[in-house]
Amino acid sequence: MDENSRVIIIDGPVASGKNEFAQKLAKQLDFKYIPQGDVKNLWKCGDSGLTFQDLDALLPPKHRIYDLESFYSDPKPKVAEGGGRAGMLQVNYFKSRLYTYNDAMLHLLSTGK
């Protein structure tokens, strides 16, 4: 690692072309492109291919995964249905971004570029 080692993070609104822009920029600068983390990876159950979402139907509504689709269909669920979970959705997105950032830093520290 030296003074030329860099990490560029692209942030912006949903569906604004961030991934496409980041891929082109990484290619032009000869950087490694690390795609945005997928929040769905947080719900994987080990290496089985099973996710916690696969088990949702077995749970009462207030204990089911509150994902982006759930938010779009019901942004303010009643307390009996798990109200107040929009904050946890934000925390999950933050964790996903943190894991992606950790992957980028691991690559940078391992390779120096």
N, C-alpha and C. Protein backbone atom coordinates (compact mmCIF):
# COMPACT_ATOMS: atom_id res chain seq x y z
N MET A 1 0.85 -1.17 0.00
CA MET A 1 0.00 0.00 0.00
C MET A 1 0.90 1.24 0.00
N ASP A 2 0.52 2.22 -0.81
CA ASP A 2 1.31 3.45 -0.88
C ASP A 2 0.39 4.64 -1.09
N GLU A 3 0.97 5.82 -1.38
CA GLU A 3 0.16 7.03 -1.54
C GLU A 3 -0.77 6.98 -2.74
N ASN A 4 -0.58 6.02 -3.63
CA ASN A 4 -1.46 5.88 -4.80
C ASN A 4 -2.61 4.91 -4.56
N SER A 5 -2.65 4.28 -3.39
CA SER A 5 -3.73 3.35 -3.08
C SER A 5 -4.99 4.15 -2.78
N ARG A 6 -6.08 3.82 -3.45
CA ARG A 6 -7.32 4.60 -3.32
C ARG A 6 -8.55 3.69 -3.26
N VAL A 7 -9.57 4.20 -2.60
CA VAL A 7 -10.90 3.58 -2.60
C VAL A 7 -11.86 4.68 -3.02
N ILE A 8 -12.69 4.39 -4.00
CA ILE A 8 -13.71 5.34 -4.43
C ILE A 8 -15.07 4.71 -4.13
N ILE A 9 -15.90 5.43 -3.42
CA ILE A 9 -17.23 4.96 -3.06
C ILE A 9 -18.25 5.82 -3.79
N ILE A 10 -19.15 5.17 -4.50
CA ILE A 10 -20.20 5.87 -5.24
C ILE A 10 -21.50 5.73 -4.45
N ASP A 11 -22.15 6.83 -4.18
CA ASP A 11 -23.41 6.82 -3.44
C ASP A 11 -24.41 7.71 -4.16
N GLY A 12 -25.68 7.39 -4.04
CA GLY A 12 -26.70 8.20 -4.67
C GLY A 12 -28.06 7.55 -4.57
N PRO A 13 -29.07 8.19 -5.16
CA PRO A 13 -30.44 7.68 -5.08
C PRO A 13 -30.61 6.32 -5.78
N VAL A 14 -31.65 5.63 -5.40
CA VAL A 14 -32.00 4.35 -6.01
C VAL A 14 -32.20 4.53 -7.51
N ALA A 15 -31.70 3.59 -8.29
CA ALA A 15 -31.90 3.54 -9.75
C ALA A 15 -31.33 4.77 -10.47
N SER A 16 -30.24 5.31 -9.96
CA SER A 16 -29.63 6.48 -10.62
C SER A 16 -28.44 6.10 -11.50
N GLY A 17 -28.12 4.81 -11.60
CA GLY A 17 -27.02 4.37 -12.46
C GLY A 17 -25.68 4.26 -11.76
N LYS A 18 -25.70 4.12 -10.43
CA LYS A 18 -24.45 4.05 -9.66
C LYS A 18 -23.58 2.86 -10.06
N ASN A 19 -24.19 1.69 -10.18
CA ASN A 19 -23.40 0.49 -10.49
C ASN A 19 -22.75 0.59 -11.87
N GLU A 20 -23.52 1.01 -12.85
CA GLU A 20 -22.98 1.14 -14.21
C GLU A 20 -21.84 2.16 -14.24
N PHE A 21 -22.05 3.30 -13.58
CA PHE A 21 -21.00 4.32 -13.51
C PHE A 21 -19.75 3.77 -12.81
N ALA A 22 -19.95 3.09 -11.68
CA ALA A 22 -18.82 2.56 -10.92
C ALA A 22 -18.04 1.52 -11.73
N GLN A 23 -18.74 0.67 -12.46
CA GLN A 23 -18.06 -0.33 -13.30
C GLN A 23 -17.20 0.34 -14.36
N LYS A 24 -17.77 1.33 -15.03
CA LYS A 24 -17.01 2.04 -16.08
C LYS A 24 -15.82 2.78 -15.49
N LEU A 25 -16.02 3.43 -14.36
CA LEU A 25 -14.93 4.17 -13.72
C LEU A 25 -13.82 3.22 -13.27
N ALA A 26 -14.18 2.10 -12.67
CA ALA A 26 -13.19 1.12 -12.23
C ALA A 26 -12.39 0.58 -13.41
N LYS A 27 -13.06 0.31 -14.51
CA LYS A 27 -12.37 -0.19 -15.69
C LYS A 27 -11.41 0.87 -16.24
N GLN A 28 -11.87 2.10 -16.31
CA GLN A 28 -11.04 3.18 -16.86
C GLN A 28 -9.81 3.45 -15.98
N LEU A 29 -9.98 3.33 -14.66
CA LEU A 29 -8.87 3.60 -13.74
C LEU A 29 -8.06 2.35 -13.38
N ASP A 30 -8.46 1.20 -13.94
CA ASP A 30 -7.85 -0.09 -13.64
C ASP A 30 -7.95 -0.40 -12.14
N PHE A 31 -9.15 -0.16 -11.59
CA PHE A 31 -9.45 -0.47 -10.20
C PHE A 31 -10.25 -1.76 -10.15
N LYS A 32 -10.30 -2.38 -8.99
CA LYS A 32 -11.18 -3.52 -8.79
C LYS A 32 -12.57 -2.99 -8.49
N TYR A 33 -13.57 -3.48 -9.22
CA TYR A 33 -14.96 -3.09 -8.97
C TYR A 33 -15.55 -4.04 -7.94
N ILE A 34 -16.07 -3.50 -6.87
CA ILE A 34 -16.74 -4.31 -5.85
C ILE A 34 -18.19 -3.85 -5.82
N PRO A 35 -19.11 -4.71 -6.25
CA PRO A 35 -20.52 -4.30 -6.35
C PRO A 35 -21.11 -4.02 -4.97
N GLN A 36 -22.18 -3.25 -4.99
CA GLN A 36 -22.90 -2.95 -3.76
C GLN A 36 -23.35 -4.24 -3.11
N GLY A 37 -23.24 -4.29 -1.80
CA GLY A 37 -23.69 -5.48 -1.09
C GLY A 37 -25.18 -5.68 -1.22
N ASP A 38 -25.58 -6.92 -1.24
CA ASP A 38 -26.99 -7.25 -1.34
C ASP A 38 -27.50 -7.55 0.06
N VAL A 39 -28.46 -6.79 0.52
CA VAL A 39 -28.99 -6.97 1.87
C VAL A 39 -29.55 -8.38 2.06
N LYS A 40 -29.93 -9.04 0.98
CA LYS A 40 -30.44 -10.41 1.08
C LYS A 40 -29.39 -11.37 1.61
N ASN A 41 -28.11 -11.04 1.43
CA ASN A 41 -27.05 -11.89 1.96
C ASN A 41 -27.08 -11.96 3.48
N LEU A 42 -27.66 -10.96 4.12
CA LEU A 42 -27.76 -10.95 5.58
C LEU A 42 -28.72 -12.02 6.08
N TRP A 43 -29.59 -12.51 5.21
CA TRP A 43 -30.61 -13.47 5.63
C TRP A 43 -30.29 -14.90 5.23
N LYS A 44 -29.06 -15.15 4.78
CA LYS A 44 -28.68 -16.51 4.40
C LYS A 44 -28.49 -17.37 5.65
N CYS A 45 -28.83 -18.64 5.53
CA CYS A 45 -28.64 -19.61 6.61
C CYS A 45 -27.45 -20.49 6.24
N GLY A 46 -26.25 -20.02 6.50
CA GLY A 46 -25.06 -20.79 6.18
C GLY A 46 -24.90 -20.99 4.69
N ASP A 47 -24.33 -22.12 4.30
CA ASP A 47 -24.08 -22.43 2.90
C ASP A 47 -25.15 -23.32 2.29
N SER A 48 -26.27 -23.49 2.98
CA SER A 48 -27.31 -24.41 2.53
C SER A 48 -28.11 -23.88 1.35
N GLY A 49 -28.02 -22.58 1.08
CA GLY A 49 -28.86 -21.98 0.04
C GLY A 49 -30.20 -21.53 0.59
N LEU A 50 -30.50 -21.91 1.82
CA LEU A 50 -31.74 -21.54 2.49
C LEU A 50 -31.58 -20.14 3.08
N THR A 51 -32.64 -19.37 3.06
CA THR A 51 -32.61 -18.05 3.70
C THR A 51 -33.70 -17.98 4.76
N PHE A 52 -33.55 -17.03 5.66
CA PHE A 52 -34.58 -16.84 6.67
C PHE A 52 -35.91 -16.48 6.02
N GLN A 53 -35.88 -15.85 4.86
CA GLN A 53 -37.11 -15.51 4.15
C GLN A 53 -37.87 -16.77 3.73
N ASP A 54 -37.14 -17.86 3.47
CA ASP A 54 -37.80 -19.11 3.11
C ASP A 54 -38.65 -19.64 4.26
N LEU A 55 -38.31 -19.23 5.47
CA LEU A 55 -39.03 -19.70 6.66
C LEU A 55 -40.13 -18.75 7.09
N ASP A 56 -40.25 -17.62 6.42
CA ASP A 56 -41.21 -16.59 6.81
C ASP A 56 -42.64 -17.09 6.94
N ALA A 57 -43.06 -17.94 6.06
CA ALA A 57 -44.45 -18.39 6.07
C ALA A 57 -44.80 -19.14 7.36
N LEU A 58 -43.79 -19.65 8.04
CA LEU A 58 -44.02 -20.39 9.28
C LEU A 58 -44.12 -19.49 10.51
N LEU A 59 -43.81 -18.21 10.33
CA LEU A 59 -43.77 -17.28 11.46
C LEU A 59 -44.99 -16.37 11.49
N PRO A 60 -45.34 -15.89 12.68
CA PRO A 60 -46.40 -14.87 12.74
C PRO A 60 -45.95 -13.61 12.01
N PRO A 61 -46.86 -12.83 11.47
CA PRO A 61 -46.49 -11.65 10.67
C PRO A 61 -45.49 -10.71 11.35
N LYS A 62 -45.61 -10.48 12.66
CA LYS A 62 -44.72 -9.52 13.29
C LYS A 62 -43.28 -10.03 13.42
N HIS A 63 -43.04 -11.30 13.17
CA HIS A 63 -41.68 -11.85 13.25
C HIS A 63 -41.07 -12.14 11.88
N ARG A 64 -41.79 -11.82 10.83
CA ARG A 64 -41.28 -12.07 9.49
C ARG A 64 -40.25 -11.02 9.09
N ILE A 65 -39.45 -11.38 8.08
CA ILE A 65 -38.44 -10.45 7.56
C ILE A 65 -39.15 -9.21 7.03
N TYR A 66 -38.66 -8.06 7.41
CA TYR A 66 -39.19 -6.80 6.90
C TYR A 66 -38.17 -6.28 5.90
N ASP A 67 -38.42 -6.57 4.63
CA ASP A 67 -37.48 -6.19 3.58
C ASP A 67 -38.03 -4.99 2.81
N LEU A 68 -37.33 -4.62 1.76
CA LEU A 68 -37.74 -3.45 0.99
C LEU A 68 -39.12 -3.63 0.37
N GLU A 69 -39.43 -4.83 -0.10
CA GLU A 69 -40.75 -5.08 -0.67
C GLU A 69 -41.83 -4.91 0.39
N SER A 70 -41.55 -5.38 1.62
CA SER A 70 -42.50 -5.20 2.72
C SER A 70 -42.71 -3.72 3.02
N PHE A 71 -41.62 -2.97 3.00
CA PHE A 71 -41.71 -1.54 3.27
C PHE A 71 -42.55 -0.84 2.21
N TYR A 72 -42.31 -1.18 0.94
CA TYR A 72 -43.08 -0.55 -0.14
C TYR A 72 -44.57 -0.86 -0.03
N SER A 73 -44.89 -2.09 0.36
CA SER A 73 -46.31 -2.46 0.43
C SER A 73 -46.96 -1.97 1.72
N ASP A 74 -46.19 -1.81 2.80
CA ASP A 74 -46.76 -1.37 4.07
C ASP A 74 -45.68 -0.65 4.88
N PRO A 75 -45.45 0.65 4.60
CA PRO A 75 -44.36 1.37 5.26
C PRO A 75 -44.57 1.61 6.76
N LYS A 76 -45.83 1.51 7.22
CA LYS A 76 -46.11 1.73 8.64
C LYS A 76 -46.99 0.60 9.17
N PRO A 77 -46.40 -0.61 9.34
CA PRO A 77 -47.23 -1.71 9.83
C PRO A 77 -47.71 -1.46 11.25
N LYS A 78 -48.89 -2.01 11.56
CA LYS A 78 -49.43 -1.88 12.91
C LYS A 78 -48.52 -2.60 13.90
N VAL A 79 -48.54 -2.19 15.14
CA VAL A 79 -47.67 -2.77 16.15
C VAL A 79 -47.86 -4.28 16.23
N ALA A 80 -49.09 -4.75 16.14
CA ALA A 80 -49.36 -6.19 16.22
C ALA A 80 -48.73 -6.94 15.04
N GLU A 81 -48.43 -6.22 13.97
CA GLU A 81 -47.84 -6.85 12.78
C GLU A 81 -46.35 -6.52 12.68
N GLY A 82 -45.76 -6.08 13.78
CA GLY A 82 -44.33 -5.79 13.77
C GLY A 82 -44.00 -4.35 13.49
N GLY A 83 -44.82 -3.44 13.96
CA GLY A 83 -44.60 -2.02 13.74
C GLY A 83 -43.23 -1.56 14.21
N GLY A 84 -42.73 -0.52 13.61
CA GLY A 84 -41.44 0.03 14.00
C GLY A 84 -40.25 -0.69 13.37
N ARG A 85 -40.48 -1.49 12.37
CA ARG A 85 -39.38 -2.27 11.79
C ARG A 85 -38.66 -1.55 10.66
N ALA A 86 -39.13 -0.38 10.26
CA ALA A 86 -38.44 0.37 9.21
C ALA A 86 -37.03 0.74 9.67
N GLY A 87 -36.88 1.03 10.95
CA GLY A 87 -35.55 1.34 11.48
C GLY A 87 -34.61 0.16 11.36
N MET A 88 -35.10 -1.04 11.63
CA MET A 88 -34.27 -2.23 11.50
C MET A 88 -33.90 -2.48 10.04
N LEU A 89 -34.79 -2.14 9.14
CA LEU A 89 -34.47 -2.26 7.71
C LEU A 89 -33.28 -1.37 7.38
N GLN A 90 -33.28 -0.15 7.90
CA GLN A 90 -32.16 0.75 7.67
C GLN A 90 -30.87 0.19 8.27
N VAL A 91 -30.96 -0.39 9.45
CA VAL A 91 -29.78 -1.01 10.08
C VAL A 91 -29.26 -2.14 9.20
N ASN A 92 -30.15 -2.95 8.64
CA ASN A 92 -29.72 -4.04 7.77
C ASN A 92 -29.01 -3.52 6.53
N TYR A 93 -29.51 -2.43 5.95
CA TYR A 93 -28.83 -1.85 4.79
C TYR A 93 -27.46 -1.30 5.19
N PHE A 94 -27.38 -0.70 6.37
CA PHE A 94 -26.10 -0.21 6.85
C PHE A 94 -25.11 -1.36 7.02
N LYS A 95 -25.56 -2.48 7.61
CA LYS A 95 -24.67 -3.64 7.79
C LYS A 95 -24.20 -4.17 6.44
N SER A 96 -25.09 -4.22 5.47
CA SER A 96 -24.72 -4.70 4.15
C SER A 96 -23.63 -3.81 3.54
N ARG A 97 -23.79 -2.49 3.66
CA ARG A 97 -22.77 -1.57 3.14
C ARG A 97 -21.46 -1.71 3.90
N LEU A 98 -21.54 -1.91 5.20
CA LEU A 98 -20.34 -2.08 6.01
C LEU A 98 -19.56 -3.33 5.57
N TYR A 99 -20.27 -4.43 5.34
CA TYR A 99 -19.59 -5.66 4.90
C TYR A 99 -18.94 -5.46 3.53
N THR A 100 -19.60 -4.73 2.65
CA THR A 100 -19.02 -4.45 1.33
C THR A 100 -17.77 -3.59 1.48
N TYR A 101 -17.85 -2.58 2.33
CA TYR A 101 -16.69 -1.72 2.58
C TYR A 101 -15.55 -2.55 3.18
N ASN A 102 -15.86 -3.48 4.08
CA ASN A 102 -14.83 -4.35 4.64
C ASN A 102 -14.16 -5.19 3.55
N ASP A 103 -14.95 -5.71 2.61
CA ASP A 103 -14.38 -6.47 1.49
C ASP A 103 -13.42 -5.61 0.68
N ALA A 104 -13.82 -4.36 0.43
CA ALA A 104 -12.96 -3.44 -0.33
C ALA A 104 -11.66 -3.17 0.42
N MET A 105 -11.77 -2.92 1.72
CA MET A 105 -10.56 -2.64 2.51
C MET A 105 -9.66 -3.87 2.61
N LEU A 106 -10.25 -5.05 2.72
CA LEU A 106 -9.45 -6.27 2.73
C LEU A 106 -8.67 -6.42 1.43
N HIS A 107 -9.33 -6.16 0.31
CA HIS A 107 -8.66 -6.22 -0.98
C HIS A 107 -7.53 -5.20 -1.05
N LEU A 108 -7.81 -3.98 -0.62
CA LEU A 108 -6.80 -2.93 -0.66
C LEU A 108 -5.60 -3.28 0.22
N LEU A 109 -5.85 -3.73 1.41
CA LEU A 109 -4.75 -4.05 2.31
C LEU A 109 -4.00 -5.30 1.90
N SER A 110 -4.67 -6.22 1.20
CA SER A 110 -4.02 -7.44 0.74
C SER A 110 -3.19 -7.24 -0.52
N THR A 111 -3.66 -6.36 -1.39
CA THR A 111 -2.99 -6.19 -2.69
C THR A 111 -2.31 -4.85 -2.86
N GLY A 112 -2.71 -3.86 -2.07
CA GLY A 112 -2.15 -2.53 -2.21
C GLY A 112 -2.79 -1.73 -3.33
N LYS A 113 -3.79 -2.30 -4.01
CA LYS A 113 -4.48 -1.54 -5.06
C LYS A 113 -5.95 -1.90 -5.12
